[in-house]
Amino acid sequence: MAHRARKRFGQNFLIDQQVISGIIDTIHPQPEDRMVEIGPGLGALTKSLLRTLNHLIAVELDRDIVEKLRKDFSPDKLTVYSIDALKFDFATLGGDLRIIGNLPYNISTPLLFYLGQFSESIVDMHFMLQKEVVERMVAKPSTSDYGRLSVMLQYRFEMEQVFTVSAESFHPAPKVESAIVHMQPINNKSLIATDETLFSKLVATAFSQRRKTLRNTLSTFLTTADFTYLEINPGLRAENITVEQYIIISNYLAERA
């Protein structure tokens, strides 16, 4: 009996072989790669990856799919963890991880934030996401797409939109276009947030009312004198501040505290 896509899991299965081939060409897997696939679904990409990889790790929440994958692939080739990716400790897999996946739209943003915690164990990541989300991820300052997601992910990763994927490439077809994004951890950052909790809170507050100026949104953090010292115009909005400037503000606040 064919597996029916489950709405609660945000399942849209990739069926376009040309797109699958494009993803494989982009990832360029090598036999010894330590690769992890999040949400393998019915195994379309899994099958293509295992033509090259010696072994693949999969993380899948749907127990019916887990059972199917374990029947379709030898445990010598595929290890399947039956767990929510948001609860999985990727650090237990060791280092040099290459992570891929067609991420469900309903958990993509929290999962991207979650994976940032394991950036030291990751070589790179390739994800299929809603095109609108990818555009926000890679957005530059002073653009309408630039926001909290942009800043928080660009703090940890270099990112590039690789190519777009039409809705017809999936079954069932989603109502939006998708895109492939390549993410690579920034290992030798010239500027690091000394208090990442404070950094995250600062960015979230700045973008909480993005049409207001920093003078208003960051009034609980910075005085007029602080803005002057930091050489930041309080009349600017959150979208006009670079990732580096947010780090500088955060470190200033951390040192003052």
Protein backbone atom coordinates (compact mmCIF):
# COMPACT_ATOMS: atom_id res chain seq x y z
CA MET A 1 0.00 0.00 0.00
CA ALA A 2 1.38 3.41 -1.01
CA HIS A 3 2.32 5.81 1.76
CA ARG A 4 0.03 8.85 2.00
CA ALA A 5 1.64 12.18 2.74
CA ARG A 6 0.72 13.37 6.21
CA LYS A 7 -0.20 17.00 6.65
CA ARG A 8 0.83 17.08 10.31
CA PHE A 9 4.38 16.15 9.30
CA GLY A 10 4.39 18.69 6.44
CA GLN A 11 5.20 15.93 3.96
CA ASN A 12 5.75 16.76 0.28
CA PHE A 13 7.74 14.03 -1.44
CA LEU A 14 10.26 14.91 -4.13
CA ILE A 15 9.46 12.99 -7.33
CA ASP A 16 11.34 14.87 -10.09
CA GLN A 17 14.39 12.81 -11.06
CA GLN A 18 16.00 15.77 -12.82
CA VAL A 19 15.84 17.81 -9.60
CA ILE A 20 17.22 14.87 -7.62
CA SER A 21 20.14 14.61 -10.05
CA GLY A 22 20.72 18.36 -9.71
CA ILE A 23 20.86 18.05 -5.92
CA ILE A 24 23.32 15.16 -6.12
CA ASP A 25 25.53 17.16 -8.51
CA THR A 26 25.41 20.12 -6.09
CA ILE A 27 26.24 18.04 -3.00
CA HIS A 28 28.87 16.00 -4.85
CA PRO A 29 28.95 13.19 -2.25
CA GLN A 30 32.09 11.13 -1.76
CA PRO A 31 32.11 7.47 -0.57
CA GLU A 32 33.61 8.24 2.86
CA ASP A 33 31.44 11.31 3.62
CA ARG A 34 29.69 11.29 7.01
CA MET A 35 26.31 12.31 5.66
CA VAL A 36 23.03 12.76 7.52
CA GLU A 37 19.68 13.06 5.75
CA ILE A 38 16.88 14.77 7.69
CA GLY A 39 13.41 13.68 6.63
CA PRO A 40 14.29 11.15 3.92
CA GLY A 41 10.63 10.52 3.15
CA LEU A 42 10.15 7.71 0.66
CA GLY A 43 13.86 7.55 -0.08
CA ALA A 44 14.13 9.17 -3.52
CA LEU A 45 17.21 11.17 -2.56
CA THR A 46 18.40 8.43 -0.20
CA LYS A 47 18.60 5.92 -3.04
CA SER A 48 20.61 8.31 -5.21
CA LEU A 49 23.01 9.15 -2.38
CA LEU A 50 23.66 5.50 -1.58
CA ARG A 51 24.87 4.89 -5.13
CA THR A 52 27.98 6.76 -4.01
CA LEU A 53 28.08 6.76 -0.20
CA ASN A 54 29.40 3.81 1.77
CA HIS A 55 26.91 4.61 4.51
CA LEU A 56 24.16 7.13 5.24
CA ILE A 57 22.43 8.21 8.45
CA ALA A 58 18.76 9.24 8.31
CA VAL A 59 16.62 11.03 10.90
CA GLU A 60 12.90 10.49 10.38
CA LEU A 61 9.86 11.16 12.58
CA ASP A 62 7.17 9.22 10.70
CA ARG A 63 7.30 5.65 12.05
CA ASP A 64 5.64 4.19 8.96
CA ILE A 65 8.38 5.69 6.79
CA VAL A 66 11.04 4.47 9.23
CA GLU A 67 9.71 0.94 8.85
CA LYS A 68 9.67 1.26 5.06
CA LEU A 69 13.24 2.57 4.92
CA ARG A 70 14.50 -0.24 7.13
CA LYS A 71 12.87 -2.75 4.77
CA ASP A 72 14.13 -1.09 1.59
CA PHE A 73 17.76 -0.53 2.62
CA SER A 74 20.36 -2.72 4.29
CA PRO A 75 21.40 -1.59 7.81
CA ASP A 76 24.99 -1.80 6.55
CA LYS A 77 24.15 1.03 4.16
CA LEU A 78 21.50 3.03 6.05
CA THR A 79 21.09 3.75 9.76
CA VAL A 80 17.68 5.24 10.57
CA TYR A 81 16.99 7.17 13.78
CA SER A 82 13.26 7.28 14.51
CA ILE A 83 13.07 10.67 16.22
CA ASP A 84 12.10 14.29 15.75
CA ALA A 85 15.14 16.11 14.31
CA LEU A 86 14.46 18.95 16.79
CA LYS A 87 15.14 16.50 19.63
CA PHE A 88 18.06 14.64 18.10
CA ASP A 89 21.55 15.27 19.49
CA PHE A 90 23.61 15.57 16.30
CA ALA A 91 26.79 15.85 18.39
CA THR A 92 26.50 12.13 19.18
CA LEU A 93 27.34 11.38 15.53
CA GLY A 94 30.80 12.91 15.82
CA GLY A 95 32.33 15.56 13.60
CA ASP A 96 32.72 16.30 9.90
CA LEU A 97 28.99 15.93 9.27
CA ARG A 98 27.41 16.79 5.94
CA ILE A 99 23.69 17.35 6.53
CA ILE A 100 21.03 17.36 3.84
CA GLY A 101 17.25 17.31 3.73
CA ASN A 102 13.96 18.32 2.23
CA LEU A 103 12.77 20.10 5.36
CA PRO A 104 9.07 20.32 6.23
CA TYR A 105 7.99 23.95 5.92
CA ASN A 106 6.31 23.90 9.33
CA ILE A 107 9.58 23.25 11.24
CA SER A 108 12.22 24.68 8.91
CA THR A 109 13.00 27.87 10.85
CA PRO A 110 13.25 26.33 14.35
CA LEU A 111 15.28 23.44 12.91
CA LEU A 112 17.76 25.81 11.26
CA PHE A 113 18.23 27.63 14.57
CA TYR A 114 18.61 24.29 16.36
CA LEU A 115 21.26 23.03 13.93
CA GLY A 116 23.27 26.18 14.55
CA GLN A 117 24.14 24.74 17.97
CA PHE A 118 26.09 21.96 16.25
CA SER A 119 27.98 24.12 13.75
CA GLU A 120 31.38 22.97 15.08
CA SER A 121 30.51 19.38 14.10
CA ILE A 122 29.28 20.30 10.61
CA VAL A 123 31.19 20.57 7.34
CA ASP A 124 28.24 21.82 5.30
CA MET A 125 24.48 21.56 4.87
CA HIS A 126 22.20 21.49 1.83
CA PHE A 127 18.47 21.94 2.34
CA MET A 128 15.35 22.16 0.25
CA LEU A 129 13.22 24.92 1.76
CA GLN A 130 10.41 27.25 0.87
CA LYS A 131 11.94 29.75 -1.60
CA GLU A 132 10.73 32.68 0.50
CA VAL A 133 12.60 31.31 3.53
CA VAL A 134 15.83 30.86 1.55
CA GLU A 135 15.55 34.44 0.27
CA ARG A 136 15.29 35.64 3.86
CA MET A 137 18.25 33.51 4.91
CA VAL A 138 20.64 34.97 2.32
CA ALA A 139 19.23 38.54 2.31
CA LYS A 140 21.55 41.54 2.54
CA PRO A 141 21.09 44.46 4.97
CA SER A 142 18.72 47.27 3.93
CA THR A 143 16.48 44.91 1.94
CA SER A 144 12.92 43.88 2.76
CA ASP A 145 13.89 40.19 3.16
CA TYR A 146 16.63 40.93 5.70
CA GLY A 147 15.46 40.08 9.20
CA ARG A 148 16.08 38.10 12.37
CA LEU A 149 16.52 34.85 10.43
CA SER A 150 19.13 36.50 8.18
CA VAL A 151 21.17 37.86 11.09
CA MET A 152 21.07 34.77 13.29
CA LEU A 153 22.01 32.36 10.51
CA GLN A 154 24.58 34.63 8.84
CA TYR A 155 26.27 34.91 12.24
CA ARG A 156 27.10 31.18 12.02
CA PHE A 157 27.00 30.28 8.33
CA GLU A 158 28.00 31.42 4.87
CA MET A 159 24.97 30.74 2.68
CA GLU A 160 24.06 30.64 -0.98
CA GLN A 161 20.82 29.98 -2.83
CA VAL A 162 21.75 27.30 -5.38
CA PHE A 163 18.63 26.82 -7.54
CA THR A 164 14.85 26.94 -7.34
CA VAL A 165 12.46 23.98 -7.57
CA SER A 166 8.91 24.18 -8.89
CA ALA A 167 5.92 22.91 -6.91
CA GLU A 168 5.26 20.29 -9.60
CA SER A 169 8.46 18.50 -8.55
CA PHE A 170 6.67 17.22 -5.42
CA HIS A 171 3.75 15.00 -4.54
CA PRO A 172 1.51 16.35 -3.24
CA ALA A 173 2.48 19.66 -4.84
CA PRO A 174 2.91 22.46 -2.26
CA LYS A 175 1.40 25.88 -2.88
CA VAL A 176 4.81 27.56 -3.02
CA GLU A 177 8.09 27.29 -4.88
CA SER A 178 11.11 25.77 -3.16
CA ALA A 179 14.84 26.41 -3.34
CA ILE A 180 18.08 24.65 -2.49
CA VAL A 181 20.37 26.48 -0.07
CA HIS A 182 24.00 25.67 0.70
CA MET A 183 25.18 26.48 4.25
CA GLN A 184 28.76 26.32 5.48
CA PRO A 185 29.83 27.11 9.07
CA ILE A 186 32.10 30.11 9.56
CA ASN A 187 34.91 28.52 11.58
CA ASN A 188 37.34 31.41 11.92
CA LYS A 189 35.09 34.33 12.71
CA SER A 190 36.84 37.66 13.14
CA LEU A 191 34.07 38.83 15.45
CA ILE A 192 32.26 36.63 18.01
CA ALA A 193 29.35 37.45 20.31
CA THR A 194 30.67 37.05 23.85
CA ASP A 195 27.13 36.44 25.17
CA GLU A 196 25.12 34.63 22.50
CA THR A 197 21.93 34.67 24.59
CA LEU A 198 22.14 38.45 24.81
CA PHE A 199 22.97 38.65 21.09
CA SER A 200 19.87 36.59 20.23
CA LYS A 201 17.66 38.71 22.51
CA LEU A 202 19.02 41.95 21.04
CA VAL A 203 18.34 40.86 17.44
CA ALA A 204 14.86 39.55 18.27
CA THR A 205 13.97 42.83 20.01
CA ALA A 206 15.29 44.97 17.16
CA PHE A 207 13.14 43.14 14.61
CA SER A 208 10.06 42.81 16.84
CA GLN A 209 8.68 46.05 15.35
CA ARG A 210 10.73 46.39 12.20
CA ARG A 211 9.05 49.56 10.94
CA LYS A 212 10.10 51.47 14.07
CA THR A 213 13.54 53.03 14.51
CA LEU A 214 16.24 51.59 16.73
CA ARG A 215 15.74 54.55 19.06
CA ASN A 216 12.34 53.02 19.91
CA THR A 217 12.90 49.27 19.60
CA LEU A 218 16.20 49.24 21.51
CA SER A 219 15.30 51.86 24.10
CA THR A 220 15.63 49.29 26.90
CA PHE A 221 19.15 48.46 25.71
CA LEU A 222 20.71 51.71 24.51
CA THR A 223 20.63 55.39 25.44
CA THR A 224 21.31 58.28 23.09
CA ALA A 225 24.85 58.40 24.47
CA ASP A 226 25.30 54.69 23.70
CA PHE A 227 24.26 55.19 20.07
CA THR A 228 26.74 58.06 19.80
CA TYR A 229 29.56 55.98 21.31
CA LEU A 230 28.79 53.07 18.96
CA GLU A 231 28.55 55.45 15.98
CA ILE A 232 25.14 54.07 15.03
CA ASN A 233 22.34 56.34 13.85
CA PRO A 234 19.34 55.73 16.17
CA GLY A 235 17.07 56.81 13.33
CA LEU A 236 17.92 53.65 11.39
CA ARG A 237 15.70 50.57 11.42
CA ALA A 238 16.67 47.00 12.33
CA GLU A 239 17.07 46.02 8.68
CA ASN A 240 19.78 48.66 8.17
CA ILE A 241 22.18 47.12 10.72
CA THR A 242 24.75 44.54 9.61
CA VAL A 243 25.47 41.27 11.41
CA GLU A 244 28.81 42.70 12.54
CA GLN A 245 27.13 45.79 13.99
CA TYR A 246 24.70 43.62 15.97
CA ILE A 247 27.67 41.70 17.38
CA ILE A 248 29.42 44.96 18.32
CA ILE A 249 26.30 46.26 20.08
CA SER A 250 25.83 42.95 21.91
CA ASN A 251 29.45 42.83 23.07
CA TYR A 252 29.25 46.44 24.21
CA LEU A 253 26.19 45.62 26.31
CA ALA A 254 27.80 42.44 27.68
CA GLU A 255 30.96 44.30 28.71
CA ARG A 256 28.94 47.11 30.32
CA ALA A 257 26.88 44.58 32.28
